[in-house]
Amino acid sequence: MSIGDDGTAEGAERGAAALEASTGARLRKIRLDRGLSLTEVAHRAEVTKGFLSQLERGLTSVSVPTLLRVCEVLRIGVGELFAYPEEHVVDGGNRIDMGGEGVAEYLLTPAGTTAFQVFRSVIEPGGGTGGPYRLDTATVFAMGLSGSTRLIVGGETRMLSAGVSTSFSGQTLHQFDNPGPTVSEVLWVLSPPLPRAARGPA
């Protein structure tokens, strides 16, 4: 169990719930702004109407592939859901929701950083992305900070422990999880940053 900002496991749970609620509320606002119904978005994103309703109300977690499908239907980049740091010196980063179970992620670069984007993932034992996905970015660099993280890129398994790094195309199907008994951490560098708006025709 993660420890929250107030030093308790309960604080971590409250923080995760609040983040899911804010992400869901943002998705709901965008859906309504687009004039789309729950049924239409759920069908196109290949989820049930009930699941999407729970997601919008912050009552359930979502895998990374599913969150990216919802964003695609809503014509937004997943970067639109992020709260970007405003300061030049970032202390710890802003908590963001990229999907997954048992994963806490922190954005370390402000919105004005246009060449690259840096995240830190803290992954609980058994936690991970919930399936393979692609990112709308050219290059992903990953370096293990602690523990052991299993990264699968194009079907190839790459184990990341402290100080071990790897690079790959964001367009290659990939996923990660923590198969170990302790929390693991990974630093990610994406170049260019994840887009805030969908690319291609509306």
N, C-alpha and C. Protein backbone atom coordinates (compact mmCIF):
# COMPACT_ATOMS: atom_id res chain seq x y z
N MET A 1 0.84 -1.19 0.00
CA MET A 1 0.00 0.00 0.00
C MET A 1 0.88 1.25 0.00
N SER A 2 0.55 2.22 -0.84
CA SER A 2 1.31 3.46 -0.89
C SER A 2 1.03 4.30 0.34
N ILE A 3 1.95 5.18 0.64
CA ILE A 3 1.77 6.14 1.72
C ILE A 3 1.43 7.48 1.11
N GLY A 4 0.38 8.11 1.61
CA GLY A 4 -0.08 9.37 1.06
C GLY A 4 0.71 10.55 1.59
N ASP A 5 0.36 11.77 1.12
CA ASP A 5 1.06 12.97 1.52
C ASP A 5 0.93 13.23 3.02
N ASP A 6 -0.14 12.69 3.64
CA ASP A 6 -0.31 12.89 5.07
C ASP A 6 0.36 11.78 5.88
N GLY A 7 1.11 10.90 5.18
CA GLY A 7 1.87 9.87 5.87
C GLY A 7 1.11 8.62 6.20
N THR A 8 -0.10 8.44 5.64
CA THR A 8 -0.90 7.27 5.95
C THR A 8 -1.33 6.57 4.67
N ALA A 9 -1.61 5.25 4.79
CA ALA A 9 -2.15 4.50 3.66
C ALA A 9 -3.53 5.03 3.29
N GLU A 10 -4.31 5.46 4.32
CA GLU A 10 -5.63 6.00 4.04
C GLU A 10 -5.52 7.27 3.21
N GLY A 11 -4.47 8.05 3.45
CA GLY A 11 -4.26 9.26 2.68
C GLY A 11 -4.00 8.94 1.21
N ALA A 12 -3.26 7.85 0.96
CA ALA A 12 -3.01 7.43 -0.42
C ALA A 12 -4.31 7.04 -1.10
N GLU A 13 -5.17 6.31 -0.37
CA GLU A 13 -6.44 5.89 -0.95
C GLU A 13 -7.32 7.09 -1.28
N ARG A 14 -7.34 8.06 -0.37
CA ARG A 14 -8.14 9.27 -0.61
C ARG A 14 -7.60 10.03 -1.82
N GLY A 15 -6.26 10.12 -1.91
CA GLY A 15 -5.67 10.83 -3.03
C GLY A 15 -5.96 10.16 -4.36
N ALA A 16 -5.88 8.81 -4.39
CA ALA A 16 -6.17 8.09 -5.61
C ALA A 16 -7.62 8.26 -6.02
N ALA A 17 -8.53 8.20 -5.04
CA ALA A 17 -9.95 8.36 -5.33
C ALA A 17 -10.25 9.75 -5.87
N ALA A 18 -9.62 10.77 -5.27
CA ALA A 18 -9.83 12.13 -5.74
C ALA A 18 -9.31 12.31 -7.16
N LEU A 19 -8.17 11.69 -7.48
CA LEU A 19 -7.62 11.79 -8.82
C LEU A 19 -8.53 11.13 -9.83
N GLU A 20 -9.03 9.92 -9.50
CA GLU A 20 -9.93 9.23 -10.41
C GLU A 20 -11.19 10.06 -10.64
N ALA A 21 -11.69 10.70 -9.57
CA ALA A 21 -12.89 11.51 -9.70
C ALA A 21 -12.64 12.71 -10.60
N SER A 22 -11.47 13.36 -10.45
CA SER A 22 -11.19 14.53 -11.26
C SER A 22 -10.98 14.16 -12.72
N THR A 23 -10.32 13.01 -12.97
CA THR A 23 -10.14 12.54 -14.34
C THR A 23 -11.49 12.21 -14.96
N GLY A 24 -12.32 11.50 -14.20
CA GLY A 24 -13.65 11.16 -14.70
C GLY A 24 -14.49 12.38 -14.98
N ALA A 25 -14.42 13.37 -14.09
CA ALA A 25 -15.20 14.60 -14.29
C ALA A 25 -14.74 15.32 -15.55
N ARG A 26 -13.44 15.31 -15.79
CA ARG A 26 -12.90 15.93 -17.00
C ARG A 26 -13.40 15.21 -18.25
N LEU A 27 -13.38 13.88 -18.21
CA LEU A 27 -13.88 13.10 -19.34
C LEU A 27 -15.36 13.38 -19.59
N ARG A 28 -16.14 13.47 -18.51
CA ARG A 28 -17.57 13.74 -18.66
C ARG A 28 -17.82 15.11 -19.26
N LYS A 29 -17.08 16.13 -18.80
CA LYS A 29 -17.24 17.48 -19.34
C LYS A 29 -16.93 17.51 -20.83
N ILE A 30 -15.84 16.85 -21.22
CA ILE A 30 -15.47 16.82 -22.64
C ILE A 30 -16.53 16.10 -23.45
N ARG A 31 -17.03 14.98 -22.91
CA ARG A 31 -18.08 14.24 -23.64
C ARG A 31 -19.31 15.12 -23.86
N LEU A 32 -19.73 15.82 -22.80
CA LEU A 32 -20.91 16.67 -22.92
C LEU A 32 -20.65 17.84 -23.87
N ASP A 33 -19.44 18.41 -23.82
CA ASP A 33 -19.08 19.49 -24.74
C ASP A 33 -19.12 19.02 -26.19
N ARG A 34 -18.82 17.73 -26.39
CA ARG A 34 -18.85 17.17 -27.75
C ARG A 34 -20.27 16.78 -28.18
N GLY A 35 -21.21 16.83 -27.24
CA GLY A 35 -22.58 16.45 -27.56
C GLY A 35 -22.75 14.96 -27.75
N LEU A 36 -21.93 14.17 -27.05
CA LEU A 36 -21.96 12.72 -27.20
C LEU A 36 -22.66 12.08 -26.00
N SER A 37 -23.41 11.03 -26.25
CA SER A 37 -24.09 10.32 -25.17
C SER A 37 -23.17 9.27 -24.56
N LEU A 38 -23.51 8.84 -23.34
CA LEU A 38 -22.78 7.74 -22.71
C LEU A 38 -22.80 6.51 -23.60
N THR A 39 -23.95 6.22 -24.16
CA THR A 39 -24.10 5.02 -24.98
C THR A 39 -23.19 5.07 -26.20
N GLU A 40 -23.13 6.23 -26.86
CA GLU A 40 -22.32 6.36 -28.07
C GLU A 40 -20.84 6.21 -27.76
N VAL A 41 -20.36 6.89 -26.72
CA VAL A 41 -18.94 6.82 -26.38
C VAL A 41 -18.58 5.41 -25.91
N ALA A 42 -19.44 4.81 -25.09
CA ALA A 42 -19.17 3.46 -24.60
C ALA A 42 -19.08 2.47 -25.76
N HIS A 43 -19.99 2.58 -26.70
CA HIS A 43 -19.98 1.65 -27.85
C HIS A 43 -18.70 1.81 -28.67
N ARG A 44 -18.33 3.05 -28.95
CA ARG A 44 -17.15 3.29 -29.79
C ARG A 44 -15.86 2.96 -29.05
N ALA A 45 -15.86 3.07 -27.72
CA ALA A 45 -14.67 2.75 -26.94
C ALA A 45 -14.63 1.29 -26.52
N GLU A 46 -15.65 0.54 -26.88
CA GLU A 46 -15.73 -0.90 -26.60
C GLU A 46 -15.77 -1.19 -25.10
N VAL A 47 -16.57 -0.39 -24.38
CA VAL A 47 -16.81 -0.65 -22.96
C VAL A 47 -18.32 -0.59 -22.74
N THR A 48 -18.76 -1.00 -21.57
CA THR A 48 -20.19 -0.93 -21.28
C THR A 48 -20.56 0.48 -20.84
N LYS A 49 -21.84 0.81 -21.02
CA LYS A 49 -22.34 2.11 -20.57
C LYS A 49 -22.17 2.26 -19.06
N GLY A 50 -22.42 1.18 -18.32
CA GLY A 50 -22.27 1.22 -16.87
C GLY A 50 -20.84 1.49 -16.45
N PHE A 51 -19.88 0.86 -17.13
CA PHE A 51 -18.47 1.09 -16.81
C PHE A 51 -18.09 2.54 -17.06
N LEU A 52 -18.50 3.09 -18.21
CA LEU A 52 -18.15 4.47 -18.53
C LEU A 52 -18.77 5.43 -17.52
N SER A 53 -20.00 5.15 -17.11
CA SER A 53 -20.65 5.98 -16.10
C SER A 53 -19.87 5.96 -14.80
N GLN A 54 -19.42 4.78 -14.39
CA GLN A 54 -18.62 4.68 -13.16
C GLN A 54 -17.29 5.40 -13.30
N LEU A 55 -16.68 5.29 -14.48
CA LEU A 55 -15.41 5.97 -14.72
C LEU A 55 -15.58 7.49 -14.60
N GLU A 56 -16.64 8.02 -15.18
CA GLU A 56 -16.87 9.46 -15.12
C GLU A 56 -17.15 9.94 -13.70
N ARG A 57 -17.68 9.06 -12.87
CA ARG A 57 -17.97 9.44 -11.48
C ARG A 57 -16.83 9.09 -10.52
N GLY A 58 -15.72 8.59 -11.07
CA GLY A 58 -14.56 8.27 -10.24
C GLY A 58 -14.76 7.06 -9.36
N LEU A 59 -15.62 6.13 -9.80
CA LEU A 59 -15.95 4.97 -8.98
C LEU A 59 -15.19 3.71 -9.39
N THR A 60 -14.37 3.80 -10.44
CA THR A 60 -13.63 2.63 -10.88
C THR A 60 -12.32 3.06 -11.51
N SER A 61 -11.35 2.16 -11.50
CA SER A 61 -10.10 2.41 -12.20
C SER A 61 -10.24 1.93 -13.64
N VAL A 62 -9.28 2.28 -14.47
CA VAL A 62 -9.35 1.94 -15.89
C VAL A 62 -7.96 1.55 -16.37
N SER A 63 -7.90 0.57 -17.25
CA SER A 63 -6.61 0.17 -17.81
C SER A 63 -6.12 1.26 -18.76
N VAL A 64 -4.83 1.28 -19.01
CA VAL A 64 -4.27 2.26 -19.94
C VAL A 64 -4.87 2.11 -21.34
N PRO A 65 -4.95 0.90 -21.91
CA PRO A 65 -5.54 0.78 -23.25
C PRO A 65 -6.96 1.32 -23.33
N THR A 66 -7.76 1.05 -22.30
CA THR A 66 -9.15 1.51 -22.32
C THR A 66 -9.23 3.03 -22.21
N LEU A 67 -8.43 3.62 -21.33
CA LEU A 67 -8.42 5.07 -21.21
C LEU A 67 -8.03 5.73 -22.53
N LEU A 68 -7.05 5.17 -23.21
CA LEU A 68 -6.62 5.73 -24.49
C LEU A 68 -7.72 5.61 -25.54
N ARG A 69 -8.51 4.52 -25.51
CA ARG A 69 -9.63 4.38 -26.45
C ARG A 69 -10.70 5.43 -26.18
N VAL A 70 -10.99 5.68 -24.91
CA VAL A 70 -11.98 6.71 -24.56
C VAL A 70 -11.50 8.07 -25.05
N CYS A 71 -10.22 8.37 -24.82
CA CYS A 71 -9.66 9.64 -25.29
C CYS A 71 -9.76 9.76 -26.81
N GLU A 72 -9.52 8.68 -27.52
CA GLU A 72 -9.59 8.69 -28.98
C GLU A 72 -11.02 8.99 -29.44
N VAL A 73 -12.00 8.38 -28.79
CA VAL A 73 -13.40 8.63 -29.15
C VAL A 73 -13.76 10.09 -28.89
N LEU A 74 -13.24 10.66 -27.82
CA LEU A 74 -13.54 12.05 -27.45
C LEU A 74 -12.70 13.06 -28.23
N ARG A 75 -11.80 12.58 -29.08
CA ARG A 75 -10.95 13.42 -29.90
C ARG A 75 -10.02 14.29 -29.06
N ILE A 76 -9.44 13.70 -28.03
CA ILE A 76 -8.44 14.40 -27.23
C ILE A 76 -7.22 13.50 -27.11
N GLY A 77 -6.07 14.13 -26.89
CA GLY A 77 -4.90 13.37 -26.50
C GLY A 77 -4.95 13.15 -25.00
N VAL A 78 -4.35 12.07 -24.53
CA VAL A 78 -4.39 11.79 -23.09
C VAL A 78 -3.72 12.90 -22.30
N GLY A 79 -2.82 13.65 -22.94
CA GLY A 79 -2.18 14.78 -22.28
C GLY A 79 -3.14 15.86 -21.85
N GLU A 80 -4.33 15.88 -22.43
CA GLU A 80 -5.35 16.86 -22.05
C GLU A 80 -5.83 16.64 -20.63
N LEU A 81 -5.66 15.42 -20.11
CA LEU A 81 -6.14 15.09 -18.77
C LEU A 81 -5.14 15.44 -17.67
N PHE A 82 -3.94 15.86 -18.05
CA PHE A 82 -2.90 16.09 -17.06
C PHE A 82 -3.01 17.46 -16.41
N ALA A 83 -2.62 17.53 -15.14
CA ALA A 83 -2.41 18.81 -14.46
C ALA A 83 -0.91 19.08 -14.53
N TYR A 84 -0.51 20.07 -15.30
CA TYR A 84 0.90 20.32 -15.56
C TYR A 84 1.53 21.18 -14.47
N PRO A 85 2.74 20.84 -14.03
CA PRO A 85 3.45 21.71 -13.08
C PRO A 85 3.63 23.10 -13.69
N GLU A 86 3.54 24.12 -12.85
CA GLU A 86 3.70 25.50 -13.32
C GLU A 86 5.08 26.06 -12.99
N GLU A 87 5.74 25.50 -11.98
CA GLU A 87 7.01 26.03 -11.53
C GLU A 87 8.17 25.50 -12.37
N HIS A 88 9.28 26.23 -12.38
CA HIS A 88 10.47 25.80 -13.11
C HIS A 88 11.21 24.71 -12.36
N VAL A 89 11.19 24.76 -11.04
CA VAL A 89 11.80 23.72 -10.22
C VAL A 89 10.65 22.89 -9.64
N VAL A 90 10.55 21.65 -10.09
CA VAL A 90 9.40 20.80 -9.75
C VAL A 90 9.76 19.90 -8.58
N ASP A 91 8.97 19.97 -7.53
CA ASP A 91 9.20 19.17 -6.32
C ASP A 91 8.25 17.98 -6.28
N GLY A 92 8.72 16.83 -6.73
CA GLY A 92 7.90 15.62 -6.67
C GLY A 92 7.00 15.38 -7.86
N GLY A 93 6.60 16.45 -8.54
CA GLY A 93 5.74 16.30 -9.71
C GLY A 93 4.27 16.35 -9.38
N ASN A 94 3.44 16.51 -10.41
CA ASN A 94 1.99 16.53 -10.27
C ASN A 94 1.43 15.14 -10.53
N ARG A 95 0.60 14.66 -9.62
CA ARG A 95 -0.02 13.34 -9.78
C ARG A 95 -0.95 13.38 -10.99
N ILE A 96 -0.83 12.40 -11.86
CA ILE A 96 -1.66 12.29 -13.06
C ILE A 96 -2.24 10.89 -13.15
N ASP A 97 -3.24 10.75 -13.99
CA ASP A 97 -3.89 9.45 -14.18
C ASP A 97 -3.71 9.01 -15.62
N MET A 98 -2.83 8.04 -15.82
CA MET A 98 -2.64 7.45 -17.15
C MET A 98 -3.32 6.10 -17.26
N GLY A 99 -4.13 5.76 -16.25
CA GLY A 99 -4.77 4.46 -16.24
C GLY A 99 -3.89 3.42 -15.56
N GLY A 100 -4.38 2.20 -15.50
CA GLY A 100 -3.65 1.12 -14.84
C GLY A 100 -4.15 0.90 -13.43
N GLU A 101 -3.73 -0.21 -12.84
CA GLU A 101 -4.13 -0.59 -11.49
C GLU A 101 -2.89 -0.68 -10.62
N GLY A 102 -2.94 -0.04 -9.44
CA GLY A 102 -1.80 -0.07 -8.55
C GLY A 102 -0.61 0.72 -9.05
N VAL A 103 -0.88 1.77 -9.84
CA VAL A 103 0.18 2.60 -10.41
C VAL A 103 -0.09 4.06 -10.06
N ALA A 104 0.86 4.72 -9.43
CA ALA A 104 0.79 6.16 -9.18
C ALA A 104 1.82 6.82 -10.07
N GLU A 105 1.39 7.83 -10.84
CA GLU A 105 2.30 8.47 -11.78
C GLU A 105 2.35 9.97 -11.55
N TYR A 106 3.54 10.52 -11.78
CA TYR A 106 3.79 11.93 -11.48
C TYR A 106 4.45 12.59 -12.69
N LEU A 107 3.88 13.70 -13.13
CA LEU A 107 4.42 14.46 -14.26
C LEU A 107 5.45 15.45 -13.73
N LEU A 108 6.67 15.39 -14.27
CA LEU A 108 7.79 16.17 -13.76
C LEU A 108 8.16 17.36 -14.62
N THR A 109 7.52 17.51 -15.80
CA THR A 109 7.87 18.61 -16.71
C THR A 109 6.65 19.51 -16.94
N PRO A 110 6.85 20.83 -16.95
CA PRO A 110 5.75 21.77 -17.19
C PRO A 110 5.23 21.68 -18.63
N ALA A 111 4.05 22.27 -18.85
CA ALA A 111 3.43 22.24 -20.17
C ALA A 111 4.30 22.92 -21.22
N GLY A 112 5.10 23.91 -20.80
CA GLY A 112 5.94 24.64 -21.74
C GLY A 112 7.14 23.89 -22.25
N THR A 113 7.40 22.70 -21.70
CA THR A 113 8.51 21.87 -22.17
C THR A 113 8.05 21.13 -23.41
N THR A 114 8.57 21.52 -24.57
CA THR A 114 8.02 21.02 -25.83
C THR A 114 8.86 19.91 -26.48
N ALA A 115 10.09 19.72 -26.06
CA ALA A 115 10.94 18.73 -26.71
C ALA A 115 10.77 17.34 -26.12
N PHE A 116 10.41 17.27 -24.83
CA PHE A 116 10.30 15.98 -24.16
C PHE A 116 9.36 16.12 -22.97
N GLN A 117 9.02 14.98 -22.37
CA GLN A 117 8.13 14.93 -21.21
C GLN A 117 8.63 13.84 -20.28
N VAL A 118 8.63 14.11 -18.97
CA VAL A 118 9.19 13.16 -18.01
C VAL A 118 8.13 12.78 -16.98
N PHE A 119 7.99 11.48 -16.74
CA PHE A 119 7.09 10.94 -15.73
C PHE A 119 7.88 10.06 -14.77
N ARG A 120 7.29 9.88 -13.58
CA ARG A 120 7.79 8.86 -12.66
C ARG A 120 6.62 7.97 -12.27
N SER A 121 6.78 6.67 -12.42
CA SER A 121 5.75 5.70 -12.06
C SER A 121 6.16 4.97 -10.80
N VAL A 122 5.24 4.87 -9.85
CA VAL A 122 5.42 4.08 -8.64
C VAL A 122 4.42 2.93 -8.73
N ILE A 123 4.92 1.70 -8.79
CA ILE A 123 4.08 0.55 -9.12
C ILE A 123 4.03 -0.42 -7.94
N GLU A 124 2.83 -0.66 -7.45
CA GLU A 124 2.65 -1.60 -6.35
C GLU A 124 2.87 -3.03 -6.84
N PRO A 125 3.23 -3.97 -5.96
CA PRO A 125 3.34 -5.38 -6.36
C PRO A 125 2.04 -5.85 -7.02
N GLY A 126 2.16 -6.42 -8.20
CA GLY A 126 0.99 -6.87 -8.95
C GLY A 126 0.34 -5.79 -9.78
N GLY A 127 0.76 -4.54 -9.62
CA GLY A 127 0.17 -3.44 -10.38
C GLY A 127 0.74 -3.36 -11.78
N GLY A 128 0.05 -2.65 -12.66
CA GLY A 128 0.53 -2.48 -14.02
C GLY A 128 -0.48 -1.80 -14.90
N THR A 129 -0.23 -1.82 -16.19
CA THR A 129 -1.04 -1.07 -17.15
C THR A 129 -2.37 -1.74 -17.48
N GLY A 130 -2.46 -3.04 -17.24
CA GLY A 130 -3.70 -3.73 -17.57
C GLY A 130 -3.83 -4.14 -19.02
N GLY A 131 -2.74 -4.10 -19.75
CA GLY A 131 -2.75 -4.52 -21.15
C GLY A 131 -1.81 -3.68 -21.99
N PRO A 132 -1.57 -4.11 -23.24
CA PRO A 132 -0.64 -3.39 -24.12
C PRO A 132 -1.30 -2.19 -24.78
N TYR A 133 -0.48 -1.20 -25.11
CA TYR A 133 -0.99 0.02 -25.74
C TYR A 133 0.13 0.68 -26.53
N ARG A 134 -0.25 1.65 -27.34
CA ARG A 134 0.71 2.48 -28.07
C ARG A 134 0.55 3.93 -27.62
N LEU A 135 1.63 4.70 -27.69
CA LEU A 135 1.58 6.11 -27.36
C LEU A 135 1.85 6.95 -28.60
N ASP A 136 1.23 8.12 -28.64
CA ASP A 136 1.41 9.03 -29.77
C ASP A 136 2.67 9.87 -29.54
N THR A 137 3.80 9.18 -29.51
CA THR A 137 5.10 9.82 -29.36
C THR A 137 6.15 8.97 -30.05
N ALA A 138 7.24 9.59 -30.47
CA ALA A 138 8.22 8.87 -31.27
C ALA A 138 9.10 7.95 -30.45
N THR A 139 9.61 8.45 -29.33
CA THR A 139 10.60 7.70 -28.57
C THR A 139 10.26 7.68 -27.09
N VAL A 140 10.41 6.51 -26.47
CA VAL A 140 10.24 6.35 -25.03
C VAL A 140 11.55 5.83 -24.45
N PHE A 141 12.05 6.53 -23.44
CA PHE A 141 13.21 6.07 -22.68
C PHE A 141 12.71 5.70 -21.29
N ALA A 142 13.11 4.55 -20.78
CA ALA A 142 12.68 4.10 -19.46
C ALA A 142 13.89 3.68 -18.65
N MET A 143 13.94 4.11 -17.38
CA MET A 143 15.03 3.69 -16.49
C MET A 143 14.46 3.28 -15.14
N GLY A 144 14.84 2.10 -14.68
CA GLY A 144 14.41 1.65 -13.38
C GLY A 144 15.06 2.48 -12.27
N LEU A 145 14.25 2.85 -11.27
CA LEU A 145 14.77 3.60 -10.12
C LEU A 145 14.89 2.71 -8.89
N SER A 146 13.94 1.78 -8.75
CA SER A 146 13.98 0.85 -7.61
C SER A 146 13.11 -0.34 -7.93
N GLY A 147 13.29 -1.42 -7.17
CA GLY A 147 12.49 -2.61 -7.37
C GLY A 147 12.75 -3.25 -8.72
N SER A 148 11.75 -4.01 -9.18
CA SER A 148 11.87 -4.72 -10.46
C SER A 148 10.58 -4.54 -11.25
N THR A 149 10.70 -3.97 -12.44
CA THR A 149 9.55 -3.73 -13.31
C THR A 149 9.71 -4.53 -14.59
N ARG A 150 8.65 -5.24 -14.97
CA ARG A 150 8.66 -6.01 -16.21
C ARG A 150 8.04 -5.17 -17.31
N LEU A 151 8.84 -4.83 -18.31
CA LEU A 151 8.40 -4.06 -19.46
C LEU A 151 8.39 -4.99 -20.67
N ILE A 152 7.25 -5.07 -21.34
CA ILE A 152 7.14 -5.93 -22.52
C ILE A 152 6.94 -5.02 -23.73
N VAL A 153 7.88 -5.06 -24.65
CA VAL A 153 7.88 -4.20 -25.84
C VAL A 153 7.83 -5.08 -27.08
N GLY A 154 6.74 -5.00 -27.83
CA GLY A 154 6.63 -5.81 -29.04
C GLY A 154 6.80 -7.29 -28.77
N GLY A 155 6.35 -7.74 -27.61
CA GLY A 155 6.45 -9.15 -27.24
C GLY A 155 7.75 -9.53 -26.56
N GLU A 156 8.70 -8.61 -26.47
CA GLU A 156 10.00 -8.88 -25.84
C GLU A 156 9.99 -8.36 -24.40
N THR A 157 10.37 -9.21 -23.46
CA THR A 157 10.41 -8.81 -22.05
C THR A 157 11.74 -8.16 -21.71
N ARG A 158 11.65 -6.99 -21.06
CA ARG A 158 12.84 -6.27 -20.60
C ARG A 158 12.64 -5.96 -19.12
N MET A 159 13.49 -6.48 -18.28
CA MET A 159 13.38 -6.26 -16.83
C MET A 159 14.17 -5.01 -16.44
N LEU A 160 13.50 -4.11 -15.72
CA LEU A 160 14.13 -2.86 -15.29
C LEU A 160 14.31 -2.88 -13.78
N SER A 161 15.55 -2.91 -13.35
CA SER A 161 15.88 -2.74 -11.94
C SER A 161 16.61 -1.40 -11.81
N ALA A 162 17.03 -1.04 -10.62
CA ALA A 162 17.65 0.26 -10.40
C ALA A 162 18.86 0.46 -11.31
N GLY A 163 18.83 1.53 -12.11
CA GLY A 163 19.93 1.86 -12.99
C GLY A 163 19.88 1.23 -14.36
N VAL A 164 18.93 0.32 -14.59
CA VAL A 164 18.81 -0.35 -15.89
C VAL A 164 17.86 0.45 -16.77
N SER A 165 18.26 0.72 -18.01
CA SER A 165 17.45 1.54 -18.90
C SER A 165 17.27 0.90 -20.26
N THR A 166 16.28 1.41 -21.01
CA THR A 166 16.00 0.92 -22.35
C THR A 166 15.26 2.01 -23.11
N SER A 167 15.23 1.91 -24.43
CA SER A 167 14.51 2.85 -25.28
C SER A 167 13.73 2.08 -26.34
N PHE A 168 12.63 2.67 -26.80
CA PHE A 168 11.83 2.04 -27.85
C PHE A 168 10.88 3.07 -28.45
N SER A 169 10.28 2.71 -29.56
CA SER A 169 9.29 3.59 -30.20
C SER A 169 7.98 3.53 -29.43
N GLY A 170 7.40 4.70 -29.17
CA GLY A 170 6.12 4.73 -28.49
C GLY A 170 5.01 4.07 -29.29
N GLN A 171 5.21 3.94 -30.61
CA GLN A 171 4.20 3.33 -31.47
C GLN A 171 4.21 1.80 -31.38
N THR A 172 5.23 1.24 -30.75
CA THR A 172 5.29 -0.20 -30.56
C THR A 172 4.41 -0.60 -29.39
N LEU A 173 3.62 -1.65 -29.55
CA LEU A 173 2.79 -2.13 -28.45
C LEU A 173 3.67 -2.46 -27.25
N HIS A 174 3.30 -1.91 -26.09
CA HIS A 174 4.08 -2.18 -24.89
C HIS A 174 3.18 -2.14 -23.66
N GLN A 175 3.66 -2.71 -22.59
CA GLN A 175 2.96 -2.72 -21.32
C GLN A 175 3.98 -2.96 -20.21
N PHE A 176 3.58 -2.67 -18.98
CA PHE A 176 4.50 -2.94 -17.87
C PHE A 176 3.72 -3.36 -16.64
N ASP A 177 4.42 -4.09 -15.77
CA ASP A 177 3.83 -4.48 -14.49
C ASP A 177 4.95 -4.74 -13.49
N ASN A 178 4.56 -4.90 -12.25
CA ASN A 178 5.52 -5.18 -11.18
C ASN A 178 5.28 -6.60 -10.69
N PRO A 179 6.14 -7.55 -11.09
CA PRO A 179 5.95 -8.94 -10.68
C PRO A 179 6.59 -9.25 -9.32
N GLY A 180 7.26 -8.27 -8.72
CA GLY A 180 8.00 -8.52 -7.49
C GLY A 180 7.19 -8.30 -6.22
N PRO A 181 7.80 -8.53 -5.07
CA PRO A 181 7.11 -8.41 -3.78
C PRO A 181 7.17 -7.01 -3.18
N THR A 182 7.93 -6.10 -3.80
CA THR A 182 8.07 -4.75 -3.26
C THR A 182 7.73 -3.71 -4.34
N VAL A 183 7.48 -2.49 -3.91
CA VAL A 183 7.16 -1.40 -4.83
C VAL A 183 8.34 -1.17 -5.78
N SER A 184 8.02 -0.90 -7.04
CA SER A 184 9.06 -0.55 -8.01
C SER A 184 8.79 0.85 -8.56
N GLU A 185 9.84 1.49 -9.06
CA GLU A 185 9.71 2.83 -9.63
C GLU A 185 10.45 2.89 -10.96
N VAL A 186 9.85 3.63 -11.90
CA VAL A 186 10.46 3.80 -13.22
C VAL A 186 10.38 5.27 -13.62
N LEU A 187 11.44 5.78 -14.22
CA LEU A 187 11.46 7.12 -14.79
C LEU A 187 11.28 6.98 -16.30
N TRP A 188 10.33 7.72 -16.85
CA TRP A 188 10.03 7.68 -18.29
C TRP A 188 10.33 9.04 -18.91
N VAL A 189 10.96 9.02 -20.08
CA VAL A 189 11.16 10.24 -20.86
C VAL A 189 10.55 10.01 -22.24
N LEU A 190 9.59 10.86 -22.61
CA LEU A 190 8.90 10.75 -23.89
C LEU A 190 9.29 11.93 -24.77
N SER A 191 9.61 11.65 -26.03
CA SER A 191 9.96 12.72 -26.96
C SER A 191 9.32 12.44 -28.31
N PRO A 192 8.44 13.34 -28.79
CA PRO A 192 7.97 14.57 -28.14
C PRO A 192 6.94 14.25 -27.05
N PRO A 193 6.46 15.28 -26.31
CA PRO A 193 5.46 15.05 -25.27
C PRO A 193 4.17 14.49 -25.84
N LEU A 194 3.38 13.84 -24.97
CA LEU A 194 2.08 13.35 -25.40
C LEU A 194 1.20 14.53 -25.76
N PRO A 195 0.50 14.45 -26.89
CA PRO A 195 -0.33 15.58 -27.33
C PRO A 195 -1.54 15.79 -26.45
N ARG A 196 -1.98 17.03 -26.36
CA ARG A 196 -3.18 17.36 -25.60
C ARG A 196 -4.42 17.29 -26.50
N ALA A 197 -4.23 17.47 -27.79
CA ALA A 197 -5.32 17.37 -28.75
C ALA A 197 -5.07 16.17 -29.67
N ALA A 198 -6.15 15.56 -30.14
CA ALA A 198 -6.01 14.43 -31.05
C ALA A 198 -5.42 14.90 -32.36
N ARG A 199 -4.61 14.06 -32.97
CA ARG A 199 -4.04 14.38 -34.25
C ARG A 199 -4.91 13.82 -35.37
N GLY A 200 -4.86 14.47 -36.52
CA GLY A 200 -5.67 14.00 -37.63
C GLY A 200 -7.00 14.73 -37.68
N PRO A 201 -7.82 14.44 -38.70
CA PRO A 201 -9.10 15.15 -38.87
C PRO A 201 -10.07 14.83 -37.75
N ALA A 202 -10.87 15.80 -37.38
CA ALA A 202 -11.88 15.62 -36.33
C ALA A 202 -13.01 14.75 -36.82
